[in-house]
């Protein structure tokens, strides 16, 4: 399992604490230092069953500068969103956990986090 984190994020720190408490084996990816590519984002979005706008932090300064709230949200708009997320990883919602069984979650709620914890 891999978890994409920003160490300054409280929800990320909580997720790491819970993973450790459950004895989970995982790899940490500090995605601001090691940004995901468009291909990696596409894969994670497929695993999440979400669209890029669903994991975009629209209140970030760069999102406001890019006026992303006004961007289209159709299949044709996906490449634009993916390029923006790859170019500005601060826009990616966190923490994202990709589980070994193939699914992934945005672990912002206790329920989502529990769904990837070992039984």
N, C-alpha and C. Protein backbone atom coordinates (compact mmCIF):
# COMPACT_ATOMS: atom_id res chain seq x y z
N UNK A 1 0.85 -1.16 0.00
CA UNK A 1 0.00 0.00 0.00
C UNK A 1 0.90 1.22 0.00
N UNK A 2 0.39 2.27 -0.65
CA UNK A 2 1.13 3.53 -0.70
C UNK A 2 0.21 4.65 -0.25
N UNK A 3 0.77 5.61 0.49
CA UNK A 3 0.00 6.76 0.93
C UNK A 3 0.70 8.02 0.45
N UNK A 4 -0.08 8.86 -0.23
CA UNK A 4 0.43 10.16 -0.70
C UNK A 4 0.12 11.17 0.39
N UNK A 5 1.17 11.81 0.89
CA UNK A 5 0.97 12.74 2.00
C UNK A 5 1.68 14.07 1.77
N UNK A 6 1.19 15.04 2.52
CA UNK A 6 1.88 16.30 2.78
C UNK A 6 2.12 16.26 4.28
N UNK A 7 3.37 16.22 4.74
CA UNK A 7 3.65 16.08 6.17
C UNK A 7 3.03 17.18 7.03
N UNK A 8 2.70 18.31 6.43
CA UNK A 8 2.08 19.40 7.19
C UNK A 8 0.59 19.21 7.40
N UNK A 9 0.01 18.25 6.73
CA UNK A 9 -1.44 18.02 6.75
C UNK A 9 -1.84 17.17 7.95
N UNK A 10 -2.77 17.68 8.74
CA UNK A 10 -3.24 16.96 9.92
C UNK A 10 -3.88 15.64 9.54
N UNK A 11 -4.70 15.61 8.51
CA UNK A 11 -5.36 14.36 8.11
C UNK A 11 -4.33 13.32 7.66
N UNK A 12 -3.26 13.76 7.04
CA UNK A 12 -2.20 12.84 6.64
C UNK A 12 -1.51 12.25 7.87
N UNK A 13 -1.25 13.08 8.85
CA UNK A 13 -0.60 12.59 10.07
C UNK A 13 -1.51 11.61 10.81
N UNK A 14 -2.80 11.90 10.84
CA UNK A 14 -3.75 10.98 11.47
C UNK A 14 -3.76 9.64 10.72
N UNK A 15 -3.78 9.71 9.40
CA UNK A 15 -3.78 8.47 8.61
C UNK A 15 -2.53 7.64 8.88
N UNK A 16 -1.37 8.28 8.95
CA UNK A 16 -0.14 7.56 9.24
C UNK A 16 -0.19 6.91 10.62
N UNK A 17 -0.72 7.62 11.60
CA UNK A 17 -0.85 7.09 12.95
C UNK A 17 -1.75 5.86 12.96
N UNK A 18 -2.86 5.94 12.24
CA UNK A 18 -3.80 4.82 12.18
C UNK A 18 -3.19 3.62 11.45
N UNK A 19 -2.49 3.88 10.36
CA UNK A 19 -1.84 2.79 9.63
C UNK A 19 -0.82 2.10 10.53
N UNK A 20 -0.04 2.90 11.26
CA UNK A 20 0.95 2.33 12.17
C UNK A 20 0.28 1.52 13.28
N UNK A 21 -0.79 2.05 13.84
CA UNK A 21 -1.49 1.36 14.93
C UNK A 21 -2.07 0.03 14.46
N UNK A 22 -2.46 -0.03 13.19
CA UNK A 22 -3.03 -1.26 12.63
C UNK A 22 -1.95 -2.22 12.15
N UNK A 23 -0.70 -1.80 12.23
CA UNK A 23 0.39 -2.67 11.78
C UNK A 23 0.46 -2.81 10.27
N UNK A 24 -0.08 -1.83 9.56
CA UNK A 24 -0.10 -1.88 8.09
C UNK A 24 1.30 -1.64 7.54
N UNK A 25 1.59 -2.33 6.45
CA UNK A 25 2.84 -2.08 5.72
C UNK A 25 2.51 -1.13 4.59
N UNK A 26 3.28 -0.06 4.50
CA UNK A 26 2.99 0.95 3.49
C UNK A 26 4.24 1.72 3.13
N UNK A 27 4.15 2.38 2.00
CA UNK A 27 5.20 3.27 1.53
C UNK A 27 4.65 4.69 1.54
N UNK A 28 5.44 5.62 2.02
CA UNK A 28 5.04 7.02 2.04
C UNK A 28 5.56 7.71 0.79
N UNK A 29 4.68 8.45 0.15
CA UNK A 29 5.08 9.29 -0.98
C UNK A 29 4.74 10.72 -0.62
N UNK A 30 5.76 11.52 -0.49
CA UNK A 30 5.57 12.95 -0.26
C UNK A 30 5.35 13.58 -1.63
N UNK A 31 4.10 13.64 -2.00
CA UNK A 31 3.76 13.95 -3.39
C UNK A 31 4.09 15.38 -3.81
N UNK A 32 4.35 16.27 -2.85
CA UNK A 32 4.79 17.61 -3.23
C UNK A 32 6.24 17.60 -3.69
N UNK A 33 7.03 16.69 -3.11
CA UNK A 33 8.44 16.55 -3.47
C UNK A 33 8.62 15.60 -4.65
N UNK A 34 7.70 14.65 -4.78
CA UNK A 34 7.75 13.63 -5.83
C UNK A 34 6.38 13.61 -6.52
N UNK A 35 6.10 14.63 -7.34
CA UNK A 35 4.77 14.78 -7.92
C UNK A 35 4.39 13.62 -8.83
N UNK A 36 3.11 13.23 -8.75
CA UNK A 36 2.64 12.17 -9.65
C UNK A 36 2.54 12.69 -11.08
N UNK A 37 2.80 11.80 -12.01
CA UNK A 37 2.67 12.14 -13.43
C UNK A 37 1.19 12.07 -13.82
N UNK A 38 0.89 12.54 -15.02
CA UNK A 38 -0.46 12.44 -15.55
C UNK A 38 -0.89 10.97 -15.58
N UNK A 39 0.02 10.08 -15.99
CA UNK A 39 -0.31 8.65 -16.05
C UNK A 39 -0.62 8.11 -14.65
N UNK A 40 0.18 8.49 -13.65
CA UNK A 40 -0.08 8.03 -12.29
C UNK A 40 -1.40 8.58 -11.76
N UNK A 41 -1.67 9.84 -12.03
CA UNK A 41 -2.95 10.43 -11.61
C UNK A 41 -4.12 9.72 -12.27
N UNK A 42 -3.96 9.41 -13.56
CA UNK A 42 -5.02 8.70 -14.29
C UNK A 42 -5.29 7.35 -13.65
N UNK A 43 -4.21 6.63 -13.31
CA UNK A 43 -4.35 5.32 -12.67
C UNK A 43 -5.04 5.44 -11.32
N UNK A 44 -4.61 6.39 -10.51
CA UNK A 44 -5.20 6.56 -9.18
C UNK A 44 -6.67 6.96 -9.30
N UNK A 45 -6.98 7.84 -10.22
CA UNK A 45 -8.38 8.24 -10.41
C UNK A 45 -9.25 7.06 -10.83
N UNK A 46 -8.70 6.20 -11.66
CA UNK A 46 -9.45 5.01 -12.06
C UNK A 46 -9.70 4.12 -10.83
N UNK A 47 -8.69 3.96 -10.01
CA UNK A 47 -8.83 3.16 -8.80
C UNK A 47 -9.79 3.79 -7.80
N UNK A 48 -9.82 5.12 -7.78
CA UNK A 48 -10.73 5.84 -6.89
C UNK A 48 -12.15 5.89 -7.45
N UNK A 49 -12.28 5.67 -8.75
CA UNK A 49 -13.56 5.83 -9.46
C UNK A 49 -14.04 7.28 -9.35
N UNK A 50 -13.07 8.21 -9.54
CA UNK A 50 -13.36 9.64 -9.47
C UNK A 50 -12.82 10.34 -10.70
N UNK A 51 -13.22 11.58 -10.85
CA UNK A 51 -12.69 12.45 -11.91
C UNK A 51 -11.67 13.40 -11.29
N UNK A 52 -10.81 14.01 -12.11
CA UNK A 52 -9.76 14.87 -11.54
C UNK A 52 -10.31 16.02 -10.70
N UNK A 53 -11.45 16.58 -11.10
CA UNK A 53 -12.03 17.69 -10.34
C UNK A 53 -12.51 17.25 -8.97
N UNK A 54 -12.74 15.95 -8.80
CA UNK A 54 -13.18 15.43 -7.51
C UNK A 54 -12.06 15.41 -6.47
N UNK A 55 -10.82 15.42 -6.91
CA UNK A 55 -9.68 15.39 -5.97
C UNK A 55 -8.87 16.68 -6.02
N UNK A 56 -9.47 17.73 -6.56
CA UNK A 56 -8.77 19.00 -6.68
C UNK A 56 -9.12 19.92 -5.52
N UNK A 57 -8.10 20.48 -4.93
CA UNK A 57 -8.26 21.43 -3.82
C UNK A 57 -8.47 22.82 -4.43
N UNK A 58 -9.72 23.16 -4.63
CA UNK A 58 -10.06 24.39 -5.35
C UNK A 58 -9.83 25.67 -4.54
N UNK A 59 -9.58 25.54 -3.25
CA UNK A 59 -9.33 26.73 -2.44
C UNK A 59 -7.85 27.11 -2.38
N UNK A 60 -7.00 26.32 -3.00
CA UNK A 60 -5.57 26.66 -3.06
C UNK A 60 -5.38 27.90 -3.95
N UNK A 61 -4.37 28.69 -3.62
CA UNK A 61 -4.11 29.92 -4.36
C UNK A 61 -3.94 29.67 -5.86
N UNK A 62 -3.21 28.62 -6.22
CA UNK A 62 -2.98 28.35 -7.64
C UNK A 62 -4.28 27.99 -8.35
N UNK A 63 -5.19 27.32 -7.67
CA UNK A 63 -6.50 26.99 -8.28
C UNK A 63 -7.28 28.27 -8.55
N UNK A 64 -7.19 29.19 -7.62
CA UNK A 64 -7.87 30.48 -7.82
C UNK A 64 -7.23 31.26 -8.96
N UNK A 65 -5.89 31.26 -9.02
CA UNK A 65 -5.19 31.95 -10.10
C UNK A 65 -5.57 31.38 -11.46
N UNK A 66 -5.71 30.06 -11.51
CA UNK A 66 -6.08 29.38 -12.76
C UNK A 66 -7.58 29.43 -13.04
N UNK A 67 -8.34 29.95 -12.06
CA UNK A 67 -9.80 30.04 -12.17
C UNK A 67 -10.43 28.67 -12.46
N UNK A 68 -9.95 27.68 -11.73
CA UNK A 68 -10.36 26.30 -11.97
C UNK A 68 -11.84 26.04 -11.66
N UNK A 69 -12.42 26.81 -10.77
CA UNK A 69 -13.85 26.62 -10.48
C UNK A 69 -14.70 26.78 -11.74
N UNK A 70 -14.21 27.55 -12.69
CA UNK A 70 -14.95 27.78 -13.93
C UNK A 70 -14.62 26.80 -15.04
N UNK A 71 -13.70 25.89 -14.80
CA UNK A 71 -13.32 24.93 -15.83
C UNK A 71 -14.44 23.92 -16.07
N UNK A 72 -14.51 23.45 -17.29
CA UNK A 72 -15.49 22.42 -17.64
C UNK A 72 -15.21 21.12 -16.92
N UNK A 73 -16.24 20.32 -16.82
CA UNK A 73 -16.12 19.03 -16.10
C UNK A 73 -16.74 17.92 -16.94
N UNK A 74 -16.15 17.78 -18.14
CA UNK A 74 -16.59 16.72 -19.03
C UNK A 74 -15.38 15.86 -19.38
N UNK A 75 -15.62 14.76 -20.05
CA UNK A 75 -14.52 13.88 -20.47
C UNK A 75 -13.49 14.66 -21.29
N UNK A 76 -13.94 15.58 -22.09
CA UNK A 76 -13.03 16.37 -22.92
C UNK A 76 -12.16 17.30 -22.08
N UNK A 77 -12.61 17.64 -20.87
CA UNK A 77 -11.87 18.55 -19.99
C UNK A 77 -10.85 17.82 -19.10
N UNK A 78 -10.95 16.50 -19.03
CA UNK A 78 -10.06 15.74 -18.14
C UNK A 78 -8.57 16.02 -18.37
N UNK A 79 -8.08 16.05 -19.62
CA UNK A 79 -6.65 16.29 -19.81
C UNK A 79 -6.18 17.62 -19.21
N UNK A 80 -6.98 18.65 -19.33
CA UNK A 80 -6.61 19.95 -18.77
C UNK A 80 -6.47 19.85 -17.24
N UNK A 81 -7.42 19.19 -16.60
CA UNK A 81 -7.36 19.01 -15.16
C UNK A 81 -6.15 18.17 -14.75
N UNK A 82 -5.92 17.08 -15.46
CA UNK A 82 -4.80 16.21 -15.13
C UNK A 82 -3.46 16.93 -15.27
N UNK A 83 -3.32 17.71 -16.32
CA UNK A 83 -2.08 18.48 -16.51
C UNK A 83 -1.89 19.47 -15.38
N UNK A 84 -2.96 20.12 -14.94
CA UNK A 84 -2.86 21.08 -13.84
C UNK A 84 -2.46 20.39 -12.55
N UNK A 85 -3.05 19.22 -12.27
CA UNK A 85 -2.70 18.49 -11.05
C UNK A 85 -1.25 18.02 -11.08
N UNK A 86 -0.80 17.58 -12.23
CA UNK A 86 0.60 17.13 -12.35
C UNK A 86 1.56 18.31 -12.22
N UNK A 87 1.19 19.45 -12.76
CA UNK A 87 2.06 20.63 -12.71
C UNK A 87 2.05 21.30 -11.34
N UNK A 88 0.95 21.16 -10.64
CA UNK A 88 0.77 21.82 -9.33
C UNK A 88 0.25 20.80 -8.32
N UNK A 89 1.11 19.92 -7.82
CA UNK A 89 0.64 18.84 -6.94
C UNK A 89 -0.04 19.32 -5.67
N UNK A 90 0.17 20.57 -5.27
CA UNK A 90 -0.51 21.10 -4.09
C UNK A 90 -2.03 21.04 -4.27
N UNK A 91 -2.46 20.95 -5.51
CA UNK A 91 -3.90 20.89 -5.81
C UNK A 91 -4.52 19.52 -5.52
N UNK A 92 -3.70 18.50 -5.36
CA UNK A 92 -4.21 17.14 -5.16
C UNK A 92 -4.68 16.96 -3.72
N UNK A 93 -5.91 16.51 -3.57
CA UNK A 93 -6.46 16.21 -2.25
C UNK A 93 -5.63 15.14 -1.57
N UNK A 94 -5.58 15.16 -0.28
CA UNK A 94 -4.75 14.23 0.47
C UNK A 94 -5.43 13.82 1.75
N UNK A 95 -5.00 12.75 2.35
CA UNK A 95 -4.10 11.72 1.86
C UNK A 95 -4.82 10.76 0.91
N UNK A 96 -4.10 10.30 -0.07
CA UNK A 96 -4.62 9.27 -0.97
C UNK A 96 -3.87 7.99 -0.65
N UNK A 97 -4.63 6.92 -0.44
CA UNK A 97 -4.04 5.62 -0.15
C UNK A 97 -4.43 4.66 -1.25
N UNK A 98 -3.41 4.04 -1.84
CA UNK A 98 -3.66 2.99 -2.84
C UNK A 98 -3.40 1.67 -2.14
N UNK A 99 -4.44 0.87 -2.05
CA UNK A 99 -4.36 -0.40 -1.33
C UNK A 99 -3.82 -1.50 -2.23
N UNK A 100 -3.27 -2.51 -1.61
CA UNK A 100 -2.70 -3.64 -2.36
C UNK A 100 -3.75 -4.42 -3.13
N UNK A 101 -5.01 -4.35 -2.71
CA UNK A 101 -6.06 -5.10 -3.39
C UNK A 101 -6.57 -4.39 -4.65
N UNK A 102 -5.99 -3.23 -4.96
CA UNK A 102 -6.36 -2.54 -6.19
C UNK A 102 -7.22 -1.31 -6.02
N UNK A 103 -7.88 -1.18 -4.88
CA UNK A 103 -8.70 0.02 -4.74
C UNK A 103 -7.89 1.13 -4.09
N UNK A 104 -8.47 2.30 -4.08
CA UNK A 104 -7.81 3.46 -3.49
C UNK A 104 -8.87 4.30 -2.80
N UNK A 105 -8.43 5.12 -1.84
CA UNK A 105 -9.33 6.02 -1.15
C UNK A 105 -8.64 7.36 -0.90
N UNK A 106 -9.46 8.39 -0.84
CA UNK A 106 -9.02 9.66 -0.29
C UNK A 106 -9.38 9.55 1.18
N UNK A 107 -8.38 9.36 2.01
CA UNK A 107 -8.60 8.98 3.41
C UNK A 107 -8.81 10.18 4.32
N UNK A 108 -9.81 10.99 3.99
CA UNK A 108 -10.10 12.17 4.79
C UNK A 108 -11.13 11.88 5.88
N UNK A 109 -11.80 10.75 5.78
CA UNK A 109 -12.77 10.38 6.81
C UNK A 109 -12.31 9.09 7.49
N UNK A 110 -12.74 8.88 8.73
CA UNK A 110 -12.37 7.63 9.40
C UNK A 110 -12.86 6.39 8.64
N UNK A 111 -14.03 6.49 8.01
CA UNK A 111 -14.59 5.36 7.27
C UNK A 111 -13.70 5.01 6.08
N UNK A 112 -13.28 6.01 5.33
CA UNK A 112 -12.42 5.75 4.17
C UNK A 112 -11.10 5.15 4.62
N UNK A 113 -10.55 5.67 5.69
CA UNK A 113 -9.28 5.14 6.20
C UNK A 113 -9.43 3.70 6.66
N UNK A 114 -10.50 3.39 7.36
CA UNK A 114 -10.72 2.02 7.83
C UNK A 114 -10.85 1.03 6.68
N UNK A 115 -11.34 1.51 5.53
CA UNK A 115 -11.54 0.60 4.40
C UNK A 115 -10.23 0.02 3.86
N UNK A 116 -9.10 0.62 4.17
CA UNK A 116 -7.82 0.11 3.68
C UNK A 116 -6.97 -0.53 4.78
N UNK A 117 -7.46 -0.47 6.01
CA UNK A 117 -6.68 -1.04 7.11
C UNK A 117 -6.74 -2.56 7.05
N UNK A 118 -5.66 -3.22 7.44
CA UNK A 118 -5.69 -4.68 7.47
C UNK A 118 -6.72 -5.18 8.48
N UNK A 119 -7.33 -6.30 8.16
CA UNK A 119 -8.37 -6.86 9.07
C UNK A 119 -7.79 -7.36 10.36
